[in-house]
Amino acid sequence: MARPSRYPLELHRRAVRMVAEVRDDHPNETAALQAVTDKLGIGSRETLRNWVKQNEVDTGQRPGTTTEESAQLKALKKENGELKRANEILKAAASFFAAELDRPHTRS
């Protein structure tokens, strides 16, 4: 069985559609999720529940961060980390050069 994050996007979409189709045929949401999970061989109900919730966020049915916004935030966090590392390198270089300027130099 694949890790939930490795499932193809089309499987996500198909599973979410199936949950919507069978939701009324079951006494509660958990039973509907279990039926779809069993049929598609998905790892857990919780995985499927997360897909359904994310779909509701993406379609505007539920407040939260959309998949697109989440990807943008991830990219910005990565860029911020790279900028912080570059800033640390520049600080170290500035400190080194300041120490070199303060050090007495002798001519040979």
N, C-alpha and C. Protein backbone atom coordinates (compact mmCIF):
# COMPACT_ATOMS: atom_id res chain seq x y z
N MET A 1 0.85 -1.18 0.00
CA MET A 1 0.00 0.00 0.00
C MET A 1 0.89 1.24 0.00
N ALA A 2 0.57 2.20 -0.84
CA ALA A 2 1.35 3.43 -0.95
C ALA A 2 1.07 4.35 0.22
N ARG A 3 2.04 5.22 0.51
CA ARG A 3 1.81 6.25 1.52
C ARG A 3 0.74 7.20 0.99
N PRO A 4 -0.11 7.74 1.88
CA PRO A 4 -1.19 8.62 1.42
C PRO A 4 -0.71 9.78 0.56
N SER A 5 0.45 10.34 0.85
CA SER A 5 0.93 11.48 0.07
C SER A 5 1.36 11.06 -1.33
N ARG A 6 1.50 9.77 -1.55
CA ARG A 6 1.95 9.28 -2.85
C ARG A 6 0.79 8.87 -3.77
N TYR A 7 -0.42 8.94 -3.27
CA TYR A 7 -1.56 8.58 -4.11
C TYR A 7 -1.70 9.58 -5.24
N PRO A 8 -2.04 9.12 -6.44
CA PRO A 8 -2.20 10.05 -7.56
C PRO A 8 -3.38 11.01 -7.33
N LEU A 9 -3.26 12.20 -7.90
CA LEU A 9 -4.29 13.22 -7.75
C LEU A 9 -5.63 12.74 -8.28
N GLU A 10 -5.61 11.97 -9.36
CA GLU A 10 -6.88 11.49 -9.93
C GLU A 10 -7.59 10.56 -8.94
N LEU A 11 -6.83 9.79 -8.16
CA LEU A 11 -7.44 8.93 -7.14
C LEU A 11 -8.09 9.79 -6.07
N HIS A 12 -7.44 10.89 -5.68
CA HIS A 12 -8.04 11.82 -4.72
C HIS A 12 -9.41 12.28 -5.23
N ARG A 13 -9.41 12.76 -6.47
CA ARG A 13 -10.66 13.30 -7.04
C ARG A 13 -11.74 12.23 -7.13
N ARG A 14 -11.36 11.05 -7.60
CA ARG A 14 -12.33 9.96 -7.74
C ARG A 14 -12.90 9.57 -6.37
N ALA A 15 -12.04 9.47 -5.37
CA ALA A 15 -12.49 9.08 -4.04
C ALA A 15 -13.45 10.12 -3.46
N VAL A 16 -13.12 11.40 -3.64
CA VAL A 16 -13.99 12.47 -3.13
C VAL A 16 -15.36 12.42 -3.82
N ARG A 17 -15.35 12.20 -5.14
CA ARG A 17 -16.63 12.07 -5.87
C ARG A 17 -17.43 10.88 -5.35
N MET A 18 -16.74 9.76 -5.12
CA MET A 18 -17.44 8.56 -4.65
C MET A 18 -18.05 8.78 -3.27
N VAL A 19 -17.34 9.48 -2.39
CA VAL A 19 -17.88 9.76 -1.06
C VAL A 19 -19.16 10.58 -1.19
N ALA A 20 -19.14 11.58 -2.06
CA ALA A 20 -20.33 12.42 -2.26
C ALA A 20 -21.50 11.59 -2.79
N GLU A 21 -21.19 10.61 -3.67
CA GLU A 21 -22.24 9.78 -4.25
C GLU A 21 -22.85 8.79 -3.26
N VAL A 22 -22.04 8.24 -2.35
CA VAL A 22 -22.53 7.20 -1.45
C VAL A 22 -22.89 7.71 -0.06
N ARG A 23 -22.66 8.99 0.20
CA ARG A 23 -22.89 9.54 1.54
C ARG A 23 -24.32 9.29 2.03
N ASP A 24 -25.31 9.44 1.15
CA ASP A 24 -26.71 9.25 1.56
C ASP A 24 -27.09 7.78 1.73
N ASP A 25 -26.29 6.86 1.20
CA ASP A 25 -26.57 5.44 1.31
C ASP A 25 -26.11 4.84 2.63
N HIS A 26 -25.42 5.63 3.46
CA HIS A 26 -24.87 5.13 4.72
C HIS A 26 -25.40 5.93 5.89
N PRO A 27 -25.43 5.32 7.08
CA PRO A 27 -26.01 6.00 8.24
C PRO A 27 -25.21 7.23 8.71
N ASN A 28 -23.90 7.25 8.44
CA ASN A 28 -23.09 8.39 8.85
C ASN A 28 -21.89 8.54 7.91
N GLU A 29 -21.17 9.64 8.08
CA GLU A 29 -20.05 9.91 7.20
C GLU A 29 -18.94 8.87 7.35
N THR A 30 -18.71 8.40 8.56
CA THR A 30 -17.65 7.42 8.79
C THR A 30 -17.91 6.14 8.00
N ALA A 31 -19.16 5.70 7.97
CA ALA A 31 -19.51 4.49 7.21
C ALA A 31 -19.30 4.71 5.72
N ALA A 32 -19.65 5.89 5.23
CA ALA A 32 -19.46 6.20 3.82
C ALA A 32 -17.97 6.23 3.48
N LEU A 33 -17.18 6.85 4.35
CA LEU A 33 -15.74 6.90 4.13
C LEU A 33 -15.13 5.50 4.14
N GLN A 34 -15.58 4.66 5.06
CA GLN A 34 -15.06 3.29 5.14
C GLN A 34 -15.41 2.50 3.89
N ALA A 35 -16.61 2.68 3.38
CA ALA A 35 -17.02 1.96 2.17
C ALA A 35 -16.13 2.34 0.99
N VAL A 36 -15.87 3.62 0.82
CA VAL A 36 -15.02 4.07 -0.29
C VAL A 36 -13.58 3.64 -0.06
N THR A 37 -13.11 3.74 1.18
CA THR A 37 -11.75 3.32 1.52
C THR A 37 -11.53 1.85 1.16
N ASP A 38 -12.49 1.02 1.54
CA ASP A 38 -12.39 -0.42 1.25
C ASP A 38 -12.42 -0.68 -0.26
N LYS A 39 -13.30 0.02 -0.95
CA LYS A 39 -13.46 -0.22 -2.39
C LYS A 39 -12.20 0.19 -3.17
N LEU A 40 -11.58 1.31 -2.79
CA LEU A 40 -10.43 1.81 -3.54
C LEU A 40 -9.08 1.36 -2.97
N GLY A 41 -9.10 0.72 -1.80
CA GLY A 41 -7.86 0.26 -1.20
C GLY A 41 -6.98 1.38 -0.68
N ILE A 42 -7.61 2.43 -0.18
CA ILE A 42 -6.88 3.56 0.39
C ILE A 42 -6.50 3.18 1.81
N GLY A 43 -5.37 3.69 2.27
CA GLY A 43 -4.81 3.32 3.57
C GLY A 43 -5.73 3.47 4.77
N SER A 44 -6.40 4.59 4.90
CA SER A 44 -7.24 4.79 6.08
C SER A 44 -8.39 5.75 5.79
N ARG A 45 -9.38 5.67 6.66
CA ARG A 45 -10.51 6.60 6.54
C ARG A 45 -10.04 8.03 6.76
N GLU A 46 -9.08 8.19 7.66
CA GLU A 46 -8.59 9.54 7.97
C GLU A 46 -7.96 10.20 6.75
N THR A 47 -7.26 9.42 5.95
CA THR A 47 -6.68 9.93 4.71
C THR A 47 -7.79 10.45 3.81
N LEU A 48 -8.80 9.63 3.63
CA LEU A 48 -9.92 10.02 2.78
C LEU A 48 -10.67 11.22 3.36
N ARG A 49 -10.85 11.23 4.68
CA ARG A 49 -11.52 12.37 5.33
C ARG A 49 -10.75 13.66 5.06
N ASN A 50 -9.42 13.60 5.11
CA ASN A 50 -8.59 14.79 4.82
C ASN A 50 -8.76 15.23 3.38
N TRP A 51 -8.84 14.29 2.45
CA TRP A 51 -9.05 14.64 1.05
C TRP A 51 -10.39 15.35 0.87
N VAL A 52 -11.43 14.83 1.52
CA VAL A 52 -12.77 15.43 1.41
C VAL A 52 -12.74 16.84 1.99
N LYS A 53 -12.11 17.00 3.16
CA LYS A 53 -12.04 18.34 3.77
C LYS A 53 -11.27 19.31 2.88
N GLN A 54 -10.15 18.87 2.31
CA GLN A 54 -9.37 19.75 1.44
C GLN A 54 -10.16 20.12 0.20
N ASN A 55 -10.93 19.18 -0.33
CA ASN A 55 -11.78 19.47 -1.48
C ASN A 55 -12.82 20.52 -1.12
N GLU A 56 -13.39 20.43 0.09
CA GLU A 56 -14.37 21.42 0.52
C GLU A 56 -13.74 22.80 0.67
N VAL A 57 -12.49 22.85 1.13
CA VAL A 57 -11.78 24.13 1.23
C VAL A 57 -11.54 24.69 -0.17
N ASP A 58 -11.05 23.83 -1.07
CA ASP A 58 -10.73 24.28 -2.43
C ASP A 58 -11.95 24.76 -3.20
N THR A 59 -13.12 24.18 -2.90
CA THR A 59 -14.34 24.58 -3.60
C THR A 59 -15.09 25.70 -2.89
N GLY A 60 -14.53 26.17 -1.76
CA GLY A 60 -15.15 27.28 -1.04
C GLY A 60 -16.28 26.89 -0.11
N GLN A 61 -16.47 25.60 0.14
CA GLN A 61 -17.54 25.14 1.02
C GLN A 61 -17.11 25.19 2.50
N ARG A 62 -15.82 25.36 2.74
CA ARG A 62 -15.30 25.34 4.10
C ARG A 62 -14.15 26.34 4.16
N PRO A 63 -14.04 27.09 5.28
CA PRO A 63 -12.93 28.03 5.38
C PRO A 63 -11.61 27.29 5.58
N GLY A 64 -10.55 27.88 5.12
CA GLY A 64 -9.24 27.28 5.27
C GLY A 64 -8.31 27.71 4.16
N THR A 65 -7.14 27.11 4.13
CA THR A 65 -6.14 27.44 3.12
C THR A 65 -6.29 26.48 1.95
N THR A 66 -6.46 27.03 0.76
CA THR A 66 -6.62 26.18 -0.41
C THR A 66 -5.30 25.51 -0.76
N THR A 67 -5.36 24.49 -1.58
CA THR A 67 -4.17 23.76 -2.00
C THR A 67 -3.20 24.71 -2.69
N GLU A 68 -3.71 25.60 -3.53
CA GLU A 68 -2.86 26.56 -4.24
C GLU A 68 -2.18 27.51 -3.27
N GLU A 69 -2.94 28.03 -2.30
CA GLU A 69 -2.36 28.93 -1.30
C GLU A 69 -1.31 28.19 -0.48
N SER A 70 -1.58 26.94 -0.15
CA SER A 70 -0.64 26.13 0.62
C SER A 70 0.66 25.95 -0.15
N ALA A 71 0.57 25.72 -1.45
CA ALA A 71 1.78 25.56 -2.27
C ALA A 71 2.56 26.87 -2.32
N GLN A 72 1.84 28.00 -2.40
CA GLN A 72 2.50 29.30 -2.42
C GLN A 72 3.21 29.56 -1.09
N LEU A 73 2.54 29.22 0.02
CA LEU A 73 3.16 29.40 1.34
C LEU A 73 4.41 28.55 1.48
N LYS A 74 4.34 27.32 0.99
CA LYS A 74 5.50 26.43 1.06
C LYS A 74 6.67 27.01 0.27
N ALA A 75 6.39 27.53 -0.92
CA ALA A 75 7.44 28.13 -1.75
C ALA A 75 8.03 29.36 -1.07
N LEU A 76 7.18 30.18 -0.46
CA LEU A 76 7.67 31.37 0.24
C LEU A 76 8.52 31.01 1.45
N LYS A 77 8.12 29.96 2.18
CA LYS A 77 8.90 29.52 3.33
C LYS A 77 10.27 29.02 2.89
N LYS A 78 10.30 28.30 1.78
CA LYS A 78 11.58 27.81 1.26
C LYS A 78 12.46 28.98 0.86
N GLU A 79 11.89 29.95 0.15
CA GLU A 79 12.64 31.12 -0.28
C GLU A 79 13.14 31.91 0.93
N ASN A 80 12.30 32.03 1.96
CA ASN A 80 12.69 32.74 3.17
C ASN A 80 13.87 32.04 3.85
N GLY A 81 13.85 30.71 3.88
CA GLY A 81 14.95 29.96 4.46
C GLY A 81 16.24 30.17 3.70
N GLU A 82 16.15 30.18 2.36
CA GLU A 82 17.33 30.42 1.53
C GLU A 82 17.88 31.83 1.76
N LEU A 83 16.99 32.81 1.89
CA LEU A 83 17.44 34.18 2.14
C LEU A 83 18.09 34.31 3.52
N LYS A 84 17.56 33.62 4.51
CA LYS A 84 18.16 33.64 5.85
C LYS A 84 19.57 33.05 5.81
N ARG A 85 19.74 31.92 5.09
CA ARG A 85 21.06 31.32 4.97
C ARG A 85 22.03 32.27 4.26
N ALA A 86 21.58 32.91 3.20
CA ALA A 86 22.43 33.86 2.47
C ALA A 86 22.79 35.03 3.37
N ASN A 87 21.86 35.49 4.17
CA ASN A 87 22.11 36.59 5.09
C ASN A 87 23.17 36.20 6.13
N GLU A 88 23.09 34.98 6.64
CA GLU A 88 24.09 34.50 7.61
C GLU A 88 25.48 34.45 6.97
N ILE A 89 25.56 34.01 5.73
CA ILE A 89 26.83 33.97 5.01
C ILE A 89 27.39 35.38 4.84
N LEU A 90 26.53 36.31 4.46
CA LEU A 90 26.97 37.70 4.30
C LEU A 90 27.44 38.30 5.63
N LYS A 91 26.74 38.00 6.72
CA LYS A 91 27.16 38.49 8.04
C LYS A 91 28.53 37.93 8.42
N ALA A 92 28.73 36.64 8.16
CA ALA A 92 30.02 36.02 8.47
C ALA A 92 31.13 36.65 7.64
N ALA A 93 30.86 36.89 6.36
CA ALA A 93 31.86 37.51 5.49
C ALA A 93 32.16 38.93 5.96
N ALA A 94 31.13 39.69 6.33
CA ALA A 94 31.33 41.06 6.80
C ALA A 94 32.15 41.05 8.09
N SER A 95 31.86 40.12 8.97
CA SER A 95 32.61 40.02 10.22
C SER A 95 34.08 39.68 9.94
N PHE A 96 34.31 38.77 9.02
CA PHE A 96 35.67 38.38 8.66
C PHE A 96 36.44 39.57 8.10
N PHE A 97 35.83 40.28 7.16
CA PHE A 97 36.52 41.41 6.54
C PHE A 97 36.73 42.55 7.54
N ALA A 98 35.79 42.77 8.45
CA ALA A 98 35.96 43.80 9.47
C ALA A 98 37.14 43.43 10.38
N ALA A 99 37.26 42.16 10.72
CA ALA A 99 38.39 41.72 11.55
C ALA A 99 39.70 41.88 10.79
N GLU A 100 39.69 41.60 9.50
CA GLU A 100 40.91 41.76 8.68
C GLU A 100 41.33 43.23 8.61
N LEU A 101 40.36 44.12 8.53
CA LEU A 101 40.70 45.55 8.46
C LEU A 101 41.26 46.06 9.79
N ASP A 102 40.76 45.50 10.89
CA ASP A 102 41.21 45.92 12.22
C ASP A 102 42.56 45.33 12.60
N ARG A 103 42.95 44.26 11.96
CA ARG A 103 44.20 43.56 12.28
C ARG A 103 45.37 44.37 11.74
N PRO A 104 46.43 44.49 12.54
CA PRO A 104 47.61 45.21 12.05
C PRO A 104 48.29 44.41 10.93
N HIS A 105 48.64 45.09 9.89
CA HIS A 105 49.29 44.44 8.76
C HIS A 105 50.79 44.77 8.77
N THR A 106 51.59 43.79 8.45
CA THR A 106 53.03 44.01 8.36
C THR A 106 53.48 43.81 6.94
N ARG A 107 54.42 44.62 6.53
CA ARG A 107 54.95 44.48 5.16
C ARG A 107 56.17 43.58 5.21
N SER A 108 56.31 42.79 4.19
CA SER A 108 57.47 41.91 4.12
C SER A 108 58.57 42.52 3.31
